[in-house]
Each structure stands twice: as structure tokens, then as C-alpha cells.
Amino acid sequence: MGNALNNTNLGGFPKEYNPRIHGAYQADRYYGTPDKPFSSLKVNEVFKWLNRRDMSLTGIARFYSRKLYSHQRRYHLSAGSKGVGFVHFALFFSFLGFIRAYKHDRHLDDGKYH
């Protein structure tokens, strides 16, 4: 089991990161080769672009980790955030409550019975 964890490189730096080239490690930066943004793709390039993504469990976890850290850095950890992170937190749980109650509250819609 210890060998399986070493193969996934969990808890370590990405393979592409080189401290002599990149300097200090930034958790929200992708150190692989840069690719075109999704918004600038043409329709026939979408499948090729998706095939170049790392769809392994580790790659997906790293993607979410980068996005979460960039959100925290922008809204929670900055000096001028002014509570925006707490508003995002409240809106997220309000949305979850709406999703949870939607099926139960569907029959409460006003309607004509005829």
C-alpha cells in the first residue's frame, strides 16, 4: 500500500515544477505546458483539447485544488476582501438548501384545479 501512494505523488510537488526555473511554489499555478483557453477554442478543437487534459484521479484532484486555492487567495486571504468570502459561503449553502428542498416544495406551487 505504501508503494501505491508513492506512485501517485500525493502530497508532493508536481513533476513539472522545477524550483530553479519557477522560483517559489505557487499552489494555484499550473506548471505544465500552457494550452489554449477553452473560451478561444473552435468547435472542431474541443475533443482534442479534452484529450490533452489529465483525467486521472490525481489530475482532477490537482485541478480542483488549484481552483480552490485561487478562490481562497482572491476572496479569503487578501487584505481587501471585505467579507466577500463569507458571502460566497452563505450563497453556496443557500443554494444547497434550495436543491434539497426543491423536490419537497414542488407540490406547493399555486395552480388552478379544474
PDB file of N, CA and C in Angstrom:
ATOM      1  N   MET A   1       0.818  -1.188   0.000  1.00  0.00           N
ATOM      2  CA  MET A   1       0.000   0.000   0.000  1.00  0.00           C
ATOM      3  C   MET A   1       0.864   1.255   0.000  1.00  0.00           C
ATOM      4  N   GLY A   2       1.955   1.257   0.702  1.00  0.00           N
ATOM      5  CA  GLY A   2       2.837   2.408   0.707  1.00  0.00           C
ATOM      6  C   GLY A   2       3.409   2.684  -0.668  1.00  0.00           C
ATOM      7  N   ASN A   3       3.645   1.630  -1.450  1.00  0.00           N
ATOM      8  CA  ASN A   3       4.170   1.791  -2.797  1.00  0.00           C
ATOM      9  C   ASN A   3       3.138   2.457  -3.707  1.00  0.00           C
ATOM     10  N   ALA A   4       1.855   2.147  -3.516  1.00  0.00           N
ATOM     11  CA  ALA A   4       0.811   2.757  -4.340  1.00  0.00           C
ATOM     12  C   ALA A   4       0.724   4.253  -4.080  1.00  0.00           C
ATOM     13  N   LEU A   5       0.892   4.668  -2.825  1.00  0.00           N
ATOM     14  CA  LEU A   5       0.851   6.102  -2.533  1.00  0.00           C
ATOM     15  C   LEU A   5       2.053   6.826  -3.108  1.00  0.00           C
ATOM     16  N   ASN A   6       3.188   6.186  -3.171  1.00  0.00           N
ATOM     17  CA  ASN A   6       4.372   6.819  -3.754  1.00  0.00           C
ATOM     18  C   ASN A   6       4.220   6.992  -5.254  1.00  0.00           C
ATOM     19  N   ASN A   7       3.496   6.092  -5.912  1.00  0.00           N
ATOM     20  CA  ASN A   7       3.311   6.197  -7.358  1.00  0.00           C
ATOM     21  C   ASN A   7       2.381   7.350  -7.730  1.00  0.00           C
ATOM     22  N   THR A   8       1.449   7.723  -6.850  1.00  0.00           N
ATOM     23  CA  THR A   8       0.512   8.785  -7.183  1.00  0.00           C
ATOM     24  C   THR A   8       1.070  10.169  -6.906  1.00  0.00           C
ATOM     25  N   ASN A   9       2.173  10.277  -6.157  1.00  0.00           N
ATOM     26  CA  ASN A   9       2.803  11.552  -5.841  1.00  0.00           C
ATOM     27  C   ASN A   9       1.857  12.465  -5.056  1.00  0.00           C
ATOM     28  N   LEU A  10       1.040  11.865  -4.180  1.00  0.00           N
ATOM     29  CA  LEU A  10       0.154  12.675  -3.352  1.00  0.00           C
ATOM     30  C   LEU A  10       0.965  13.402  -2.290  1.00  0.00           C
ATOM     31  N   GLY A  11       0.682  14.666  -2.102  1.00  0.00           N
ATOM     32  CA  GLY A  11       1.354  15.450  -1.091  1.00  0.00           C
ATOM     33  C   GLY A  11       2.684  16.029  -1.534  1.00  0.00           C
ATOM     34  N   GLY A  12       3.097  15.776  -2.751  1.00  0.00           N
ATOM     35  CA  GLY A  12       4.365  16.299  -3.240  1.00  0.00           C
ATOM     36  C   GLY A  12       4.151  17.351  -4.316  1.00  0.00           C
ATOM     37  N   PHE A  13       5.249  17.877  -4.800  1.00  0.00           N
ATOM     38  CA  PHE A  13       5.173  18.848  -5.884  1.00  0.00           C
ATOM     39  C   PHE A  13       4.866  18.139  -7.196  1.00  0.00           C
ATOM     40  N   PRO A  14       4.266  18.841  -8.157  1.00  0.00           N
ATOM     41  CA  PRO A  14       4.039  18.244  -9.473  1.00  0.00           C
ATOM     42  C   PRO A  14       5.361  17.937 -10.166  1.00  0.00           C
ATOM     43  N   LYS A  15       5.327  16.985 -11.101  1.00  0.00           N
ATOM     44  CA  LYS A  15       6.548  16.609 -11.828  1.00  0.00           C
ATOM     45  C   LYS A  15       7.106  17.775 -12.621  1.00  0.00           C
ATOM     46  N   GLU A  16       6.221  18.629 -13.122  1.00  0.00           N
ATOM     47  CA  GLU A  16       6.638  19.729 -13.992  1.00  0.00           C
ATOM     48  C   GLU A  16       7.303  20.873 -13.238  1.00  0.00           C
ATOM     49  N   TYR A  17       7.174  20.905 -11.920  1.00  0.00           N
ATOM     50  CA  TYR A  17       7.703  22.016 -11.125  1.00  0.00           C
ATOM     51  C   TYR A  17       9.212  21.863 -10.934  1.00  0.00           C
ATOM     52  N   ASN A  18       9.957  22.924 -11.275  1.00  0.00           N
ATOM     53  CA  ASN A  18      11.399  22.966 -11.079  1.00  0.00           C
ATOM     54  C   ASN A  18      11.709  24.251 -10.315  1.00  0.00           C
ATOM     55  N   PRO A  19      12.190  24.141  -9.056  1.00  0.00           N
ATOM     56  CA  PRO A  19      12.398  25.363  -8.272  1.00  0.00           C
ATOM     57  C   PRO A  19      13.439  26.307  -8.859  1.00  0.00           C
ATOM     58  N   ARG A  20      14.392  25.792  -9.615  1.00  0.00           N
ATOM     59  CA  ARG A  20      15.402  26.690 -10.206  1.00  0.00           C
ATOM     60  C   ARG A  20      14.816  27.518 -11.340  1.00  0.00           C
ATOM     61  N   ILE A  21      13.819  26.995 -12.013  1.00  0.00           N
ATOM     62  CA  ILE A  21      13.195  27.719 -13.122  1.00  0.00           C
ATOM     63  C   ILE A  21      12.020  28.570 -12.637  1.00  0.00           C
ATOM     64  N   HIS A  22      11.145  27.974 -11.829  1.00  0.00           N
ATOM     65  CA  HIS A  22       9.887  28.617 -11.460  1.00  0.00           C
ATOM     66  C   HIS A  22       9.952  29.444 -10.191  1.00  0.00           C
ATOM     67  N   GLY A  23      10.974  29.279  -9.382  1.00  0.00           N
ATOM     68  CA  GLY A  23      11.059  30.034  -8.136  1.00  0.00           C
ATOM     69  C   GLY A  23      10.195  29.412  -7.057  1.00  0.00           C
ATOM     70  N   ALA A  24       9.636  30.247  -6.211  1.00  0.00           N
ATOM     71  CA  ALA A  24       8.811  29.759  -5.103  1.00  0.00           C
ATOM     72  C   ALA A  24       7.556  29.084  -5.643  1.00  0.00           C
ATOM     73  N   TYR A  25       7.142  28.031  -4.962  1.00  0.00           N
ATOM     74  CA  TYR A  25       5.973  27.260  -5.405  1.00  0.00           C
ATOM     75  C   TYR A  25       4.697  28.044  -5.152  1.00  0.00           C
ATOM     76  N   GLN A  26       3.831  28.092  -6.146  1.00  0.00           N
ATOM     77  CA  GLN A  26       2.519  28.716  -6.018  1.00  0.00           C
ATOM     78  C   GLN A  26       1.478  27.639  -6.248  1.00  0.00           C
ATOM     79  N   ALA A  27       0.618  27.431  -5.269  1.00  0.00           N
ATOM     80  CA  ALA A  27      -0.335  26.325  -5.323  1.00  0.00           C
ATOM     81  C   ALA A  27      -1.402  26.520  -6.386  1.00  0.00           C
ATOM     82  N   ASP A  28      -1.661  27.741  -6.818  1.00  0.00           N
ATOM     83  CA  ASP A  28      -2.715  27.964  -7.801  1.00  0.00           C
ATOM     84  C   ASP A  28      -2.195  28.088  -9.232  1.00  0.00           C
ATOM     85  N   ARG A  29      -0.957  27.755  -9.470  1.00  0.00           N
ATOM     86  CA  ARG A  29      -0.369  27.854 -10.808  1.00  0.00           C
ATOM     87  C   ARG A  29      -0.199  26.472 -11.416  1.00  0.00           C
ATOM     88  N   TYR A  30      -0.515  26.346 -12.707  1.00  0.00           N
ATOM     89  CA  TYR A  30      -0.323  25.101 -13.438  1.00  0.00           C
ATOM     90  C   TYR A  30       1.072  25.142 -14.044  1.00  0.00           C
ATOM     91  N   TYR A  31       1.914  24.148 -13.721  1.00  0.00           N
ATOM     92  CA  TYR A  31       3.304  24.152 -14.159  1.00  0.00           C
ATOM     93  C   TYR A  31       3.536  23.333 -15.429  1.00  0.00           C
ATOM     94  N   GLY A  32       2.494  22.763 -16.005  1.00  0.00           N
ATOM     95  CA  GLY A  32       2.649  22.022 -17.252  1.00  0.00           C
ATOM     96  C   GLY A  32       2.773  22.955 -18.436  1.00  0.00           C
ATOM     97  N   THR A  33       2.801  22.380 -19.629  1.00  0.00           N
ATOM     98  CA  THR A  33       2.892  23.207 -20.832  1.00  0.00           C
ATOM     99  C   THR A  33       1.582  23.961 -21.032  1.00  0.00           C
ATOM    100  N   PRO A  34       1.647  25.252 -21.319  1.00  0.00           N
ATOM    101  CA  PRO A  34       0.423  26.026 -21.476  1.00  0.00           C
ATOM    102  C   PRO A  34      -0.366  25.593 -22.710  1.00  0.00           C
ATOM    103  N   ASP A  35      -1.669  25.704 -22.609  1.00  0.00           N
ATOM    104  CA  ASP A  35      -2.568  25.310 -23.691  1.00  0.00           C
ATOM    105  C   ASP A  35      -3.539  26.465 -23.945  1.00  0.00           C
ATOM    106  N   LYS A  36      -4.270  26.378 -25.039  1.00  0.00           N
ATOM    107  CA  LYS A  36      -5.246  27.417 -25.350  1.00  0.00           C
ATOM    108  C   LYS A  36      -6.359  27.411 -24.312  1.00  0.00           C
ATOM    109  N   PRO A  37      -6.867  28.589 -23.941  1.00  0.00           N
ATOM    110  CA  PRO A  37      -8.025  28.622 -23.043  1.00  0.00           C
ATOM    111  C   PRO A  37      -9.254  28.030 -23.737  1.00  0.00           C
ATOM    112  N   PHE A  38     -10.155  27.484 -22.949  1.00  0.00           N
ATOM    113  CA  PHE A  38     -11.348  26.852 -23.514  1.00  0.00           C
ATOM    114  C   PHE A  38     -12.199  27.859 -24.282  1.00  0.00           C
ATOM    115  N   SER A  39     -12.209  29.103 -23.843  1.00  0.00           N
ATOM    116  CA  SER A  39     -13.047  30.107 -24.498  1.00  0.00           C
ATOM    117  C   SER A  39     -12.561  30.472 -25.896  1.00  0.00           C
ATOM    118  N   SER A  40     -11.295  30.180 -26.230  1.00  0.00           N
ATOM    119  CA  SER A  40     -10.784  30.542 -27.549  1.00  0.00           C
ATOM    120  C   SER A  40     -10.747  29.354 -28.513  1.00  0.00           C
ATOM    121  N   LEU A  41     -11.366  28.227 -28.138  1.00  0.00           N
ATOM    122  CA  LEU A  41     -11.352  27.047 -28.998  1.00  0.00           C
ATOM    123  C   LEU A  41     -12.422  27.135 -30.060  1.00  0.00           C
ATOM    124  N   LYS A  42     -12.149  26.484 -31.191  1.00  0.00           N
ATOM    125  CA  LYS A  42     -13.161  26.292 -32.204  1.00  0.00           C
ATOM    126  C   LYS A  42     -13.854  24.968 -31.917  1.00  0.00           C
ATOM    127  N   VAL A  43     -14.984  24.736 -32.549  1.00  0.00           N
ATOM    128  CA  VAL A  43     -15.786  23.548 -32.244  1.00  0.00           C
ATOM    129  C   VAL A  43     -15.020  22.267 -32.561  1.00  0.00           C
ATOM    130  N   ASN A  44     -14.271  22.239 -33.650  1.00  0.00           N
ATOM    131  CA  ASN A  44     -13.568  21.009 -34.022  1.00  0.00           C
ATOM    132  C   ASN A  44     -12.325  20.761 -33.171  1.00  0.00           C
ATOM    133  N   GLU A  45     -11.911  21.713 -32.337  1.00  0.00           N
ATOM    134  CA  GLU A  45     -10.736  21.540 -31.478  1.00  0.00           C
ATOM    135  C   GLU A  45     -11.083  21.085 -30.069  1.00  0.00           C
ATOM    136  N   VAL A  46     -12.372  21.008 -29.726  1.00  0.00           N
ATOM    137  CA  VAL A  46     -12.775  20.726 -28.345  1.00  0.00           C
ATOM    138  C   VAL A  46     -12.352  19.332 -27.920  1.00  0.00           C
ATOM    139  N   PHE A  47     -12.580  18.317 -28.756  1.00  0.00           N
ATOM    140  CA  PHE A  47     -12.246  16.941 -28.366  1.00  0.00           C
ATOM    141  C   PHE A  47     -10.734  16.741 -28.245  1.00  0.00           C
ATOM    142  N   LYS A  48      -9.971  17.372 -29.120  1.00  0.00           N
ATOM    143  CA  LYS A  48      -8.509  17.295 -28.998  1.00  0.00           C
ATOM    144  C   LYS A  48      -8.046  17.958 -27.709  1.00  0.00           C
ATOM    145  N   TRP A  49      -8.664  19.095 -27.363  1.00  0.00           N
ATOM    146  CA  TRP A  49      -8.316  19.807 -26.144  1.00  0.00           C
ATOM    147  C   TRP A  49      -8.651  18.963 -24.913  1.00  0.00           C
ATOM    148  N   LEU A  50      -9.809  18.302 -24.926  1.00  0.00           N
ATOM    149  CA  LEU A  50     -10.197  17.441 -23.802  1.00  0.00           C
ATOM    150  C   LEU A  50      -9.285  16.236 -23.666  1.00  0.00           C
ATOM    151  N   ASN A  51      -8.816  15.693 -24.780  1.00  0.00           N
ATOM    152  CA  ASN A  51      -7.919  14.534 -24.727  1.00  0.00           C
ATOM    153  C   ASN A  51      -6.554  14.892 -24.147  1.00  0.00           C
ATOM    154  N   ARG A  52      -6.155  16.154 -24.227  1.00  0.00           N
ATOM    155  CA  ARG A  52      -4.875  16.567 -23.646  1.00  0.00           C
ATOM    156  C   ARG A  52      -4.955  16.794 -22.142  1.00  0.00           C
ATOM    157  N   ARG A  53      -6.137  16.814 -21.567  1.00  0.00           N
ATOM    158  CA  ARG A  53      -6.305  17.016 -20.124  1.00  0.00           C
ATOM    159  C   ARG A  53      -5.931  15.747 -19.371  1.00  0.00           C
ATOM    160  N   ASP A  54      -5.436  15.911 -18.152  1.00  0.00           N
ATOM    161  CA  ASP A  54      -5.113  14.784 -17.286  1.00  0.00           C
ATOM    162  C   ASP A  54      -6.388  14.375 -16.566  1.00  0.00           C
ATOM    163  N   MET A  55      -7.030  13.300 -17.019  1.00  0.00           N
ATOM    164  CA  MET A  55      -8.298  12.861 -16.451  1.00  0.00           C
ATOM    165  C   MET A  55      -8.126  11.787 -15.385  1.00  0.00           C
ATOM    166  N   SER A  56      -6.919  11.609 -14.888  1.00  0.00           N
ATOM    167  CA  SER A  56      -6.729  10.651 -13.804  1.00  0.00           C
ATOM    168  C   SER A  56      -7.270  11.260 -12.510  1.00  0.00           C
ATOM    169  N   LEU A  57      -7.421  10.443 -11.502  1.00  0.00           N
ATOM    170  CA  LEU A  57      -7.935  10.925 -10.227  1.00  0.00           C
ATOM    171  C   LEU A  57      -7.012  11.989  -9.628  1.00  0.00           C
ATOM    172  N   THR A  58      -5.709  11.791  -9.765  1.00  0.00           N
ATOM    173  CA  THR A  58      -4.745  12.762  -9.255  1.00  0.00           C
ATOM    174  C   THR A  58      -4.828  14.077 -10.037  1.00  0.00           C
ATOM    175  N   GLY A  59      -4.969  13.995 -11.359  1.00  0.00           N
ATOM    176  CA  GLY A  59      -5.065  15.199 -12.175  1.00  0.00           C
ATOM    177  C   GLY A  59      -6.312  16.007 -11.861  1.00  0.00           C
ATOM    178  N   ILE A  60      -7.440  15.329 -11.648  1.00  0.00           N
ATOM    179  CA  ILE A  60      -8.681  16.029 -11.313  1.00  0.00           C
ATOM    180  C   ILE A  60      -8.574  16.661  -9.933  1.00  0.00           C
ATOM    181  N   ALA A  61      -7.962  15.934  -8.989  1.00  0.00           N
ATOM    182  CA  ALA A  61      -7.781  16.489  -7.637  1.00  0.00           C
ATOM    183  C   ALA A  61      -6.869  17.717  -7.674  1.00  0.00           C
ATOM    184  N   ARG A  62      -5.826  17.684  -8.494  1.00  0.00           N
ATOM    185  CA  ARG A  62      -4.939  18.847  -8.602  1.00  0.00           C
ATOM    186  C   ARG A  62      -5.652  20.036  -9.230  1.00  0.00           C
ATOM    187  N   PHE A  63      -6.503  19.778 -10.215  1.00  0.00           N
ATOM    188  CA  PHE A  63      -7.270  20.856 -10.840  1.00  0.00           C
ATOM    189  C   PHE A  63      -8.167  21.537  -9.808  1.00  0.00           C
ATOM    190  N   TYR A  64      -8.928  20.746  -9.058  1.00  0.00           N
ATOM    191  CA  TYR A  64      -9.810  21.324  -8.042  1.00  0.00           C
ATOM    192  C   TYR A  64      -9.016  22.017  -6.945  1.00  0.00           C
ATOM    193  N   SER A  65      -7.879  21.477  -6.593  1.00  0.00           N
ATOM    194  CA  SER A  65      -7.048  22.105  -5.576  1.00  0.00           C
ATOM    195  C   SER A  65      -6.542  23.466  -6.050  1.00  0.00           C
ATOM    196  N   ARG A  66      -6.114  23.555  -7.318  1.00  0.00           N
ATOM    197  CA  ARG A  66      -5.664  24.839  -7.863  1.00  0.00           C
ATOM    198  C   ARG A  66      -6.789  25.864  -7.870  1.00  0.00           C
ATOM    199  N   LYS A  67      -7.974  25.444  -8.295  1.00  0.00           N
ATOM    200  CA  LYS A  67      -9.104  26.379  -8.353  1.00  0.00           C
ATOM    201  C   LYS A  67      -9.547  26.808  -6.970  1.00  0.00           C
ATOM    202  N   LEU A  68      -9.561  25.888  -6.007  1.00  0.00           N
ATOM    203  CA  LEU A  68      -9.941  26.236  -4.649  1.00  0.00           C
ATOM    204  C   LEU A  68      -8.937  27.205  -4.040  1.00  0.00           C
ATOM    205  N   TYR A  69      -7.653  26.958  -4.250  1.00  0.00           N
ATOM    206  CA  TYR A  69      -6.653  27.851  -3.674  1.00  0.00           C
ATOM    207  C   TYR A  69      -6.696  29.230  -4.323  1.00  0.00           C
ATOM    208  N   SER A  70      -6.937  29.283  -5.634  1.00  0.00           N
ATOM    209  CA  SER A  70      -7.008  30.601  -6.270  1.00  0.00           C
ATOM    210  C   SER A  70      -8.227  31.369  -5.758  1.00  0.00           C
ATOM    211  N   HIS A  71      -9.339  30.678  -5.495  1.00  0.00           N
ATOM    212  CA  HIS A  71     -10.517  31.330  -4.929  1.00  0.00           C
ATOM    213  C   HIS A  71     -10.216  31.816  -3.517  1.00  0.00           C
ATOM    214  N   GLN A  72      -9.561  30.992  -2.715  1.00  0.00           N
ATOM    215  CA  GLN A  72      -9.216  31.406  -1.353  1.00  0.00           C
ATOM    216  C   GLN A  72      -8.258  32.589  -1.362  1.00  0.00           C
ATOM    217  N   ARG A  73      -7.297  32.546  -2.257  1.00  0.00           N
ATOM    218  CA  ARG A  73      -6.312  33.619  -2.320  1.00  0.00           C
ATOM    219  C   ARG A  73      -6.950  34.935  -2.742  1.00  0.00           C
ATOM    220  N   ARG A  74      -7.928  34.847  -3.634  1.00  0.00           N
ATOM    221  CA  ARG A  74      -8.556  36.056  -4.135  1.00  0.00           C
ATOM    222  C   ARG A  74      -9.586  36.635  -3.171  1.00  0.00           C
ATOM    223  N   TYR A  75     -10.396  35.761  -2.548  1.00  0.00           N
ATOM    224  CA  TYR A  75     -11.520  36.257  -1.764  1.00  0.00           C
ATOM    225  C   TYR A  75     -11.359  36.123  -0.253  1.00  0.00           C
ATOM    226  N   HIS A  76     -10.575  35.178   0.236  1.00  0.00           N
ATOM    227  CA  HIS A  76     -10.482  34.964   1.676  1.00  0.00           C
ATOM    228  C   HIS A  76      -9.171  35.483   2.261  1.00  0.00           C
ATOM    229  N   LEU A  77      -8.081  35.297   1.571  1.00  0.00           N
ATOM    230  CA  LEU A  77      -6.776  35.586   2.135  1.00  0.00           C
ATOM    231  C   LEU A  77      -6.260  36.990   1.825  1.00  0.00           C
ATOM    232  N   SER A  78      -6.902  37.701   0.932  1.00  0.00           N
ATOM    233  CA  SER A  78      -6.414  39.031   0.579  1.00  0.00           C
ATOM    234  C   SER A  78      -6.835  40.054   1.634  1.00  0.00           C
ATOM    235  N   ALA A  79      -6.081  41.134   1.715  1.00  0.00           N
ATOM    236  CA  ALA A  79      -6.352  42.153   2.736  1.00  0.00           C
ATOM    237  C   ALA A  79      -7.616  42.937   2.427  1.00  0.00           C
ATOM    238  N   GLY A  80      -7.953  43.111   1.179  1.00  0.00           N
ATOM    239  CA  GLY A  80      -9.122  43.906   0.813  1.00  0.00           C
ATOM    240  C   GLY A  80     -10.349  43.089   0.486  1.00  0.00           C
ATOM    241  N   SER A  81     -10.501  41.903   1.052  1.00  0.00           N
ATOM    242  CA  SER A  81     -11.611  41.034   0.683  1.00  0.00           C
ATOM    243  C   SER A  81     -12.941  41.532   1.231  1.00  0.00           C
ATOM    244  N   LYS A  82     -12.955  42.174   2.399  1.00  0.00           N
ATOM    245  CA  LYS A  82     -14.151  42.798   2.977  1.00  0.00           C
ATOM    246  C   LYS A  82     -15.322  41.826   3.137  1.00  0.00           C
ATOM    247  N   GLY A  83     -15.043  40.587   3.447  1.00  0.00           N
ATOM    248  CA  GLY A  83     -16.111  39.628   3.742  1.00  0.00           C
ATOM    249  C   GLY A  83     -16.767  38.997   2.547  1.00  0.00           C
ATOM    250  N   VAL A  84     -16.220  39.160   1.365  1.00  0.00           N
ATOM    251  CA  VAL A  84     -16.832  38.571   0.178  1.00  0.00           C
ATOM    252  C   VAL A  84     -16.821  37.049   0.270  1.00  0.00           C
ATOM    253  N   GLY A  85     -15.775  36.492   0.868  1.00  0.00           N
ATOM    254  CA  GLY A  85     -15.699  35.042   1.018  1.00  0.00           C
ATOM    255  C   GLY A  85     -16.827  34.495   1.861  1.00  0.00           C
ATOM    256  N   PHE A  86     -17.210  35.225   2.914  1.00  0.00           N
ATOM    257  CA  PHE A  86     -18.314  34.764   3.746  1.00  0.00           C
ATOM    258  C   PHE A  86     -19.641  34.835   2.996  1.00  0.00           C
ATOM    259  N   VAL A  87     -19.795  35.821   2.134  1.00  0.00           N
ATOM    260  CA  VAL A  87     -20.999  35.906   1.300  1.00  0.00           C
ATOM    261  C   VAL A  87     -21.044  34.721   0.341  1.00  0.00           C
ATOM    262  N   HIS A  88     -19.924  34.365  -0.259  1.00  0.00           N
ATOM    263  CA  HIS A  88     -19.882  33.196  -1.141  1.00  0.00           C
ATOM    264  C   HIS A  88     -20.233  31.929  -0.374  1.00  0.00           C
ATOM    265  N   PHE A  89     -19.718  31.811   0.844  1.00  0.00           N
ATOM    266  CA  PHE A  89     -20.015  30.669   1.702  1.00  0.00           C
ATOM    267  C   PHE A  89     -21.518  30.575   1.968  1.00  0.00           C
ATOM    268  N   ALA A  90     -22.136  31.698   2.329  1.00  0.00           N
ATOM    269  CA  ALA A  90     -23.569  31.718   2.621  1.00  0.00           C
ATOM    270  C   ALA A  90     -24.392  31.405   1.371  1.00  0.00           C
ATOM    271  N   LEU A  91     -23.999  31.956   0.222  1.00  0.00           N
ATOM    272  CA  LEU A  91     -24.729  31.685  -1.017  1.00  0.00           C
ATOM    273  C   LEU A  91     -24.622  30.218  -1.424  1.00  0.00           C
ATOM    274  N   PHE A  92     -23.471  29.613  -1.211  1.00  0.00           N
ATOM    275  CA  PHE A  92     -23.287  28.198  -1.543  1.00  0.00           C
ATOM    276  C   PHE A  92     -24.230  27.329  -0.716  1.00  0.00           C
ATOM    277  N   PHE A  93     -24.304  27.579   0.591  1.00  0.00           N
ATOM    278  CA  PHE A  93     -25.176  26.759   1.421  1.00  0.00           C
ATOM    279  C   PHE A  93     -26.646  27.095   1.215  1.00  0.00           C
ATOM    280  N   SER A  94     -26.968  28.311   0.816  1.00  0.00           N
ATOM    281  CA  SER A  94     -28.345  28.636   0.451  1.00  0.00           C
ATOM    282  C   SER A  94     -28.752  27.869  -0.803  1.00  0.00           C
ATOM    283  N   PHE A  95     -27.845  27.780  -1.766  1.00  0.00           N
ATOM    284  CA  PHE A  95     -28.125  27.018  -2.983  1.00  0.00           C
ATOM    285  C   PHE A  95     -28.305  25.534  -2.667  1.00  0.00           C
ATOM    286  N   LEU A  96     -27.454  24.985  -1.782  1.00  0.00           N
ATOM    287  CA  LEU A  96     -27.624  23.582  -1.391  1.00  0.00           C
ATOM    288  C   LEU A  96     -28.963  23.355  -0.702  1.00  0.00           C
ATOM    289  N   GLY A  97     -29.398  24.286   0.134  1.00  0.00           N
ATOM    290  CA  GLY A  97     -30.701  24.170   0.775  1.00  0.00           C
ATOM    291  C   GLY A  97     -31.837  24.242  -0.222  1.00  0.00           C
ATOM    292  N   PHE A  98     -31.690  25.084  -1.239  1.00  0.00           N
ATOM    293  CA  PHE A  98     -32.707  25.163  -2.289  1.00  0.00           C
ATOM    294  C   PHE A  98     -32.808  23.837  -3.039  1.00  0.00           C
ATOM    295  N   ILE A  99     -31.673  23.257  -3.398  1.00  0.00           N
ATOM    296  CA  ILE A  99     -31.678  21.979  -4.120  1.00  0.00           C
ATOM    297  C   ILE A  99     -32.310  20.895  -3.261  1.00  0.00           C
ATOM    298  N   ARG A 100     -31.979  20.902  -1.976  1.00  0.00           N
ATOM    299  CA  ARG A 100     -32.505  19.873  -1.074  1.00  0.00           C
ATOM    300  C   ARG A 100     -34.019  19.992  -0.919  1.00  0.00           C
ATOM    301  N   ALA A 101     -34.554  21.210  -0.840  1.00  0.00           N
ATOM    302  CA  ALA A 101     -35.974  21.415  -0.596  1.00  0.00           C
ATOM    303  C   ALA A 101     -36.803  21.454  -1.872  1.00  0.00           C
ATOM    304  N   TYR A 102     -36.176  21.464  -3.040  1.00  0.00           N
ATOM    305  CA  TYR A 102     -36.925  21.647  -4.281  1.00  0.00           C
ATOM    306  C   TYR A 102     -37.924  20.526  -4.510  1.00  0.00           C
ATOM    307  N   LYS A 103     -37.505  19.282  -4.338  1.00  0.00           N
ATOM    308  CA  LYS A 103     -38.395  18.150  -4.594  1.00  0.00           C
ATOM    309  C   LYS A 103     -39.565  18.165  -3.612  1.00  0.00           C
ATOM    310  N   HIS A 104     -39.313  18.550  -2.381  1.00  0.00           N
ATOM    311  CA  HIS A 104     -40.365  18.591  -1.375  1.00  0.00           C
ATOM    312  C   HIS A 104     -41.350  19.724  -1.637  1.00  0.00           C
ATOM    313  N   ASP A 105     -40.885  20.852  -2.137  1.00  0.00           N
ATOM    314  CA  ASP A 105     -41.726  22.038  -2.291  1.00  0.00           C
ATOM    315  C   ASP A 105     -42.392  22.145  -3.659  1.00  0.00           C
ATOM    316  N   ARG A 106     -42.183  21.181  -4.529  1.00  0.00           N
ATOM    317  CA  ARG A 106     -42.781  21.280  -5.867  1.00  0.00           C
ATOM    318  C   ARG A 106     -44.298  21.280  -5.821  1.00  0.00           C
ATOM    319  N   HIS A 107     -44.885  20.513  -4.900  1.00  0.00           N
ATOM    320  CA  HIS A 107     -46.340  20.417  -4.846  1.00  0.00           C
ATOM    321  C   HIS A 107     -46.985  21.651  -4.220  1.00  0.00           C
ATOM    322  N   LEU A 108     -46.218  22.606  -3.738  1.00  0.00           N
ATOM    323  CA  LEU A 108     -46.760  23.806  -3.124  1.00  0.00           C
ATOM    324  C   LEU A 108     -47.021  24.924  -4.126  1.00  0.00           C
ATOM    325  N   ASP A 109     -46.750  24.679  -5.397  1.00  0.00           N
ATOM    326  CA  ASP A 109     -46.983  25.699  -6.417  1.00  0.00           C
ATOM    327  C   ASP A 109     -48.474  26.042  -6.497  1.00  0.00           C
ATOM    328  N   ASP A 110     -48.736  27.324  -6.708  1.00  0.00           N
ATOM    329  CA  ASP A 110     -50.131  27.733  -6.892  1.00  0.00           C
ATOM    330  C   ASP A 110     -50.585  27.287  -8.271  1.00  0.00           C
ATOM    331  N   GLY A 111     -51.752  26.750  -8.330  1.00  0.00           N
ATOM    332  CA  GLY A 111     -52.266  26.330  -9.624  1.00  0.00           C
ATOM    333  C   GLY A 111     -53.775  26.175  -9.572  1.00  0.00           C
ATOM    334  N   LYS A 112     -54.363  26.187 -10.732  1.00  0.00           N
ATOM    335  CA  LYS A 112     -55.796  26.004 -10.812  1.00  0.00           C
ATOM    336  C   LYS A 112     -56.102  24.517 -10.859  1.00  0.00           C
ATOM    337  N   TYR A 113     -57.082  24.135 -10.127  1.00  0.00           N
ATOM    338  CA  TYR A 113     -57.505  22.736 -10.142  1.00  0.00           C
ATOM    339  C   TYR A 113     -58.854  22.679 -10.824  1.00  0.00           C
ATOM    340  N   HIS A 114     -58.838  22.234 -12.063  1.00  0.00           N
ATOM    341  CA  HIS A 114     -60.087  22.101 -12.798  1.00  0.00           C
ATOM    342  C   HIS A 114     -59.978  21.014 -13.825  1.00  0.00           C
TER     343      HIS A 114
END
